[in-house]
């Protein structure tokens, strides 16, 4: 699933590039595809490090520690970016519905690029406390009676991780959920009120306005489906990370870490689904996306026949 999702998001990036970036939503969806690729690559790495074959190997590495440093923390970074980019896309559509005549002046191409780049950069602060405190080096592991590459700490990790976990694993996910839900609720209320207004105007104006309204509704519906998929698939991860922030024993090396790994195996599957299915949503719900994909195939077939 992870491999297919990576190829699917590469196709998404190519399609949005061919469509051009005059429409700011294409910039945001490209940023979402990039963050989805990062999330899926780190899921693949996690699958390798916690594979039973790798765990039974004689490699002098404490696999769970390597898993945390190379896969777990980077994966959380990309998932947080996915959430904030999705929230920004929801806010964009909300503005399109609230102030359709002014949205082009507010959400410009430059503004969209700046916001998405800012999201990628600001969320790097999520990784700084971890990689400042924790590092990999040779350490004697008493329970295995071996010297292996494992995690070491520059200071007591809980002094920093307590604040870090609260901000990045509790506040950011629930802030993202709140923003997505609020934006889509406002959109639904506004579209409903607009439909009621359309029914009260003349037949000629109604037909014209309905066309515009239906076009907006298609884009809004597509992004709403993406938002719902994100929330549903990310609930398990948000739940376990919230628990880790409150129960230190669920963290790496804690007495409940095996239980946490079981929960992570479920949440990683859901996150892989979330990062992989957008191509299906775009193809099913966007006629412009379908035309671009079919055009790419048509050009390829003509080239081969010639």
Protein backbone atom coordinates (compact mmCIF):
# COMPACT_ATOMS: atom_id res chain seq x y z
CA UNK A 1 0.00 0.00 0.00
CA UNK A 2 2.83 2.36 0.83
CA UNK A 3 4.56 1.77 -2.52
CA UNK A 4 1.33 2.26 -4.47
CA UNK A 5 0.60 5.39 -2.46
CA UNK A 6 4.03 6.85 -3.28
CA UNK A 7 3.49 6.29 -7.02
CA UNK A 8 -0.04 7.70 -6.73
CA UNK A 9 1.21 10.91 -5.11
CA UNK A 10 3.95 11.26 -7.72
CA UNK A 11 1.18 11.11 -10.34
CA UNK A 12 -0.72 13.77 -8.37
CA UNK A 13 2.31 16.10 -8.44
CA UNK A 14 2.76 15.58 -12.20
CA UNK A 15 -0.94 16.24 -12.86
CA UNK A 16 -1.01 19.45 -10.81
CA UNK A 17 2.20 20.59 -12.50
CA UNK A 18 0.64 20.05 -15.92
CA UNK A 19 -2.50 21.90 -14.87
CA UNK A 20 -0.38 24.84 -13.74
CA UNK A 21 -0.28 26.75 -10.50
CA UNK A 22 -2.39 29.75 -11.39
CA UNK A 23 -5.07 28.24 -9.17
CA UNK A 24 -3.77 28.39 -5.59
CA UNK A 25 -5.55 25.13 -4.67
CA UNK A 26 -3.15 23.23 -6.97
CA UNK A 27 -0.23 24.58 -4.94
CA UNK A 28 -1.80 23.36 -1.71
CA UNK A 29 -2.66 19.93 -3.14
CA UNK A 30 0.92 19.59 -4.44
CA UNK A 31 2.23 20.36 -0.94
CA UNK A 32 -0.18 17.74 0.42
CA UNK A 33 1.14 15.16 -2.07
CA UNK A 34 4.76 15.91 -1.06
CA UNK A 35 3.96 15.49 2.63
CA UNK A 36 2.03 12.28 1.88
CA UNK A 37 5.10 10.87 0.09
CA UNK A 38 7.23 11.67 3.15
CA UNK A 39 4.68 10.00 5.44
CA UNK A 40 4.58 6.86 3.26
CA UNK A 41 8.38 6.59 2.91
CA UNK A 42 8.76 6.71 6.70
CA UNK A 43 5.98 4.11 7.08
CA UNK A 44 7.97 1.80 4.78
CA UNK A 45 11.08 2.36 6.90
CA UNK A 46 9.11 1.61 10.06
CA UNK A 47 7.81 -1.61 8.49
CA UNK A 48 11.39 -2.71 7.80
CA UNK A 49 12.71 -1.94 11.29
CA UNK A 50 9.90 -3.73 13.16
CA UNK A 51 9.75 -6.68 10.75
CA UNK A 52 10.27 -9.97 12.68
CA UNK A 53 13.06 -10.99 10.28
CA UNK A 54 14.95 -7.80 11.05
CA UNK A 55 14.25 -8.14 14.78
CA UNK A 56 15.73 -11.68 14.77
CA UNK A 57 18.82 -10.66 12.83
CA UNK A 58 22.27 -10.36 14.39
CA UNK A 59 22.65 -6.71 13.41
CA UNK A 60 24.16 -4.93 16.47
CA UNK A 61 21.38 -2.34 16.56
CA UNK A 62 18.55 -1.98 19.03
CA UNK A 63 15.81 -1.97 16.40
CA UNK A 64 13.16 -0.11 18.37
CA UNK A 65 15.58 2.75 19.01
CA UNK A 66 16.54 2.92 15.33
CA UNK A 67 12.85 2.76 14.43
CA UNK A 68 12.13 5.77 16.62
CA UNK A 69 14.97 7.94 15.32
CA UNK A 70 14.78 7.11 11.60
CA UNK A 71 11.08 6.40 11.06
CA UNK A 72 8.79 7.27 13.97
CA UNK A 73 9.71 10.91 14.62
CA UNK A 74 10.08 11.88 10.92
CA UNK A 75 6.76 10.14 10.18
CA UNK A 76 5.03 12.22 12.86
CA UNK A 77 6.51 15.34 11.28
CA UNK A 78 5.07 14.57 7.84
CA UNK A 79 1.68 13.62 9.32
CA UNK A 80 1.54 16.95 11.16
CA UNK A 81 2.38 18.74 7.90
CA UNK A 82 -0.36 16.76 6.08
CA UNK A 83 -2.86 17.87 8.70
CA UNK A 84 -1.96 21.55 8.59
CA UNK A 85 -1.91 21.60 4.78
CA UNK A 86 -5.34 19.95 4.73
CA UNK A 87 -6.57 22.54 7.24
CA UNK A 88 -5.21 25.34 5.04
CA UNK A 89 -6.99 23.85 2.00
CA UNK A 90 -10.24 23.81 4.00
CA UNK A 91 -9.74 27.46 4.97
CA UNK A 92 -9.09 28.35 1.32
CA UNK A 93 -12.40 26.80 0.23
CA UNK A 94 -14.16 28.43 3.16
CA UNK A 95 -12.98 31.85 1.98
CA UNK A 96 -14.08 31.01 -1.57
CA UNK A 97 -17.60 30.44 -0.28
CA UNK A 98 -17.67 33.37 2.16
CA UNK A 99 -16.05 36.06 -0.04
CA UNK A 100 -16.04 34.69 -3.62
CA UNK A 101 -15.35 38.11 -5.18
CA UNK A 102 -12.37 38.92 -2.96
CA UNK A 103 -10.77 35.49 -2.47
CA UNK A 104 -8.43 35.92 -5.47
CA UNK A 105 -7.05 39.06 -3.84
CA UNK A 106 -6.64 37.38 -0.45
CA UNK A 107 -5.37 33.90 -1.37
CA UNK A 108 -2.90 34.67 -4.15
CA UNK A 109 -0.41 32.28 -5.70
CA UNK A 110 2.41 33.86 -3.71
CA UNK A 111 0.42 33.72 -0.46
CA UNK A 112 -0.35 30.01 -0.95
CA UNK A 113 3.32 29.19 -1.61
CA UNK A 114 4.44 31.14 1.47
CA UNK A 115 1.89 29.47 3.78
CA UNK A 116 2.69 25.93 2.60
CA UNK A 117 6.46 26.46 2.81
CA UNK A 118 5.99 28.02 6.26
CA UNK A 119 4.08 24.92 7.41
CA UNK A 120 6.94 22.63 6.34
CA UNK A 121 9.52 24.85 8.06
CA UNK A 122 7.66 25.61 11.30
CA UNK A 123 6.89 21.93 11.89
CA UNK A 124 10.62 21.19 11.85
CA UNK A 125 10.50 22.61 15.37
CA UNK A 126 8.71 19.35 16.21
CA UNK A 127 11.93 17.45 15.48
CA UNK A 128 14.40 19.81 17.12
CA UNK A 129 13.80 18.83 20.80
CA UNK A 130 13.96 15.12 19.94
CA UNK A 131 17.20 15.21 17.99
CA UNK A 132 18.74 17.65 20.46
CA UNK A 133 18.18 15.32 23.43
CA UNK A 134 18.36 11.86 21.81
CA UNK A 135 21.15 10.43 19.67
CA UNK A 136 22.38 6.99 18.57
CA UNK A 137 25.65 5.58 19.86
CA UNK A 138 27.18 2.36 21.21
CA UNK A 139 25.63 1.31 24.52
CA UNK A 140 25.72 -1.83 26.65
CA UNK A 141 22.24 -3.38 26.85
CA UNK A 142 22.08 -5.49 30.06
CA UNK A 143 18.95 -7.49 29.13
CA UNK A 144 20.66 -8.69 25.91
CA UNK A 145 24.19 -8.75 27.40
CA UNK A 146 25.45 -7.01 24.27
CA UNK A 147 26.97 -3.71 23.25
CA UNK A 148 24.74 -2.31 20.52
CA UNK A 149 23.89 0.93 18.75
CA UNK A 150 21.04 2.36 20.83
CA UNK A 151 19.52 5.62 22.02
CA UNK A 152 21.43 7.81 24.46
CA UNK A 153 20.25 11.02 26.11
CA UNK A 154 22.11 14.26 26.68
CA UNK A 155 19.87 15.02 29.64
CA UNK A 156 16.63 13.81 31.22
CA UNK A 157 14.37 13.50 28.15
CA UNK A 158 11.13 14.01 30.07
CA UNK A 159 12.17 17.58 30.98
CA UNK A 160 11.83 18.49 27.28
CA UNK A 161 9.55 15.79 25.89
CA UNK A 162 6.72 16.74 28.27
CA UNK A 163 6.31 20.16 26.64
CA UNK A 164 7.15 18.85 23.15
CA UNK A 165 4.58 16.03 23.31
CA UNK A 166 1.88 18.40 24.54
CA UNK A 167 2.45 20.90 21.72
CA UNK A 168 3.06 18.57 18.78
CA UNK A 169 1.14 15.44 19.76
CA UNK A 170 -1.86 16.97 21.53
CA UNK A 171 -2.32 20.64 20.61
CA UNK A 172 -1.38 20.51 16.89
CA UNK A 173 -3.53 17.45 15.96
CA UNK A 174 -6.63 18.68 17.80
CA UNK A 175 -6.13 22.22 16.49
CA UNK A 176 -5.98 20.72 12.99
CA UNK A 177 -9.16 18.71 13.54
CA UNK A 178 -10.93 21.77 14.97
CA UNK A 179 -9.92 23.97 12.00
CA UNK A 180 -11.01 21.38 9.42
CA UNK A 181 -14.35 20.72 11.12
CA UNK A 182 -15.07 24.43 11.65
CA UNK A 183 -14.21 25.35 8.05
CA UNK A 184 -16.35 22.58 6.56
CA UNK A 185 -19.24 23.45 8.90
CA UNK A 186 -19.14 27.10 7.80
CA UNK A 187 -19.00 25.98 4.15
CA UNK A 188 -22.04 23.72 4.59
CA UNK A 189 -24.06 26.46 6.31
CA UNK A 190 -23.11 29.08 3.72
CA UNK A 191 -23.90 26.83 0.74
CA UNK A 192 -27.25 25.94 2.26
CA UNK A 193 -28.15 29.61 2.76
CA UNK A 194 -26.99 30.38 -0.78
CA UNK A 195 -29.19 27.61 -2.18
CA UNK A 196 -32.17 29.06 -0.33
CA UNK A 197 -31.39 32.47 -1.79
CA UNK A 198 -31.12 31.02 -5.30
CA UNK A 199 -34.61 29.61 -4.99
CA UNK A 200 -35.96 33.09 -4.33
CA UNK A 201 -34.45 34.86 -7.37
CA UNK A 202 -35.64 34.92 -10.96
CA UNK A 203 -35.38 31.82 -13.14
CA UNK A 204 -32.76 33.38 -15.44
CA UNK A 205 -30.44 34.49 -12.68
CA UNK A 206 -31.00 31.23 -10.83
CA UNK A 207 -29.69 29.16 -13.74
CA UNK A 208 -26.59 31.30 -14.02
CA UNK A 209 -25.86 31.30 -10.30
CA UNK A 210 -26.57 27.59 -9.98
CA UNK A 211 -23.85 26.85 -12.51
CA UNK A 212 -21.30 28.76 -10.45
CA UNK A 213 -22.60 27.22 -7.25
CA UNK A 214 -22.41 23.68 -8.59
CA UNK A 215 -18.82 24.23 -9.74
CA UNK A 216 -17.87 25.47 -6.27
CA UNK A 217 -19.71 22.60 -4.65
CA UNK A 218 -17.68 20.01 -6.61
CA UNK A 219 -14.37 21.42 -5.38
CA UNK A 220 -15.70 21.87 -1.85
CA UNK A 221 -17.12 18.32 -1.82
CA UNK A 222 -13.81 16.86 -3.01
CA UNK A 223 -11.80 18.65 -0.31
CA UNK A 224 -14.42 17.77 2.29
CA UNK A 225 -14.02 14.08 1.44
CA UNK A 226 -10.22 14.44 1.74
CA UNK A 227 -10.70 16.16 5.11
CA UNK A 228 -13.08 13.49 6.43
CA UNK A 229 -10.67 10.71 5.36
CA UNK A 230 -7.84 12.52 7.14
CA UNK A 231 -9.77 12.93 10.40
CA UNK A 232 -11.08 9.34 10.46
CA UNK A 233 -7.68 7.81 9.64
CA UNK A 234 -5.74 10.02 12.05
CA UNK A 235 -7.96 9.47 15.11
CA UNK A 236 -6.02 6.30 16.21
CA UNK A 237 -2.66 8.08 15.99
CA UNK A 238 -3.91 11.14 17.86
CA UNK A 239 -5.35 8.90 20.57
CA UNK A 240 -2.15 6.90 21.16
CA UNK A 241 0.08 10.00 21.04
CA UNK A 242 -2.19 11.75 23.51
CA UNK A 243 -1.89 8.69 25.77
CA UNK A 244 1.92 8.68 25.42
CA UNK A 245 2.03 12.32 26.50
CA UNK A 246 0.20 11.40 29.70
CA UNK A 247 1.65 7.92 30.42
CA UNK A 248 5.48 7.81 30.11
CA UNK A 249 5.42 4.01 30.26
CA UNK A 250 4.01 3.96 26.71
CA UNK A 251 7.16 5.64 25.36
CA UNK A 252 10.19 3.88 23.89
CA UNK A 253 11.73 1.67 26.59
CA UNK A 254 8.70 2.03 28.86
CA UNK A 255 6.94 -0.88 30.54
CA UNK A 256 3.93 -0.52 28.21
CA UNK A 257 5.89 0.03 24.99
CA UNK A 258 4.74 -3.28 23.45
CA UNK A 259 1.15 -2.14 23.88
CA UNK A 260 2.06 1.13 22.20
CA UNK A 261 3.64 -0.78 19.28
CA UNK A 262 0.41 -2.72 18.83
CA UNK A 263 -1.54 0.55 18.67
CA UNK A 264 1.02 2.08 16.29
CA UNK A 265 0.65 -0.90 13.93
CA UNK A 266 -3.05 -0.06 13.62
CA UNK A 267 -2.54 3.69 13.32
CA UNK A 268 0.24 3.28 10.71
CA UNK A 269 -2.09 1.21 8.54
CA UNK A 270 -4.78 3.91 8.78
CA UNK A 271 -2.24 6.64 7.99
CA UNK A 272 -0.97 4.70 4.96
CA UNK A 273 -4.56 4.53 3.71
CA UNK A 274 -5.02 8.27 4.32
CA UNK A 275 -1.87 9.16 2.37
CA UNK A 276 -2.62 6.76 -0.50
CA UNK A 277 -6.29 7.23 -1.43
CA UNK A 278 -6.26 10.90 -2.47
CA UNK A 279 -5.53 9.97 -6.08
CA UNK A 280 -8.77 7.94 -6.15
CA UNK A 281 -10.74 10.84 -4.66
CA UNK A 282 -9.30 13.33 -7.17
CA UNK A 283 -9.95 11.02 -10.13
CA UNK A 284 -13.52 10.21 -9.11
CA UNK A 285 -14.57 13.73 -8.12
CA UNK A 286 -12.58 16.12 -10.36
CA UNK A 287 -13.37 16.18 -14.09
CA UNK A 288 -10.34 18.43 -14.67
CA UNK A 289 -8.08 15.89 -12.97
CA UNK A 290 -9.54 13.05 -15.07
CA UNK A 291 -9.05 15.01 -18.30
CA UNK A 292 -5.40 15.71 -17.42
CA UNK A 293 -4.71 12.05 -16.57
CA UNK A 294 -6.43 10.83 -19.73
CA UNK A 295 -4.56 13.44 -21.76
CA UNK A 296 -1.26 12.13 -20.39
CA UNK A 297 -2.24 8.60 -21.43
CA UNK A 298 -3.39 9.75 -24.85
CA UNK A 299 -0.15 11.58 -25.50
CA UNK A 300 1.81 8.50 -24.47
CA UNK A 301 -0.17 6.18 -26.75
CA UNK A 302 0.22 8.52 -29.72
CA UNK A 303 3.94 8.76 -29.12
CA UNK A 304 4.29 4.97 -28.99
CA UNK A 305 2.23 4.46 -32.16
CA UNK A 306 4.32 6.98 -34.06
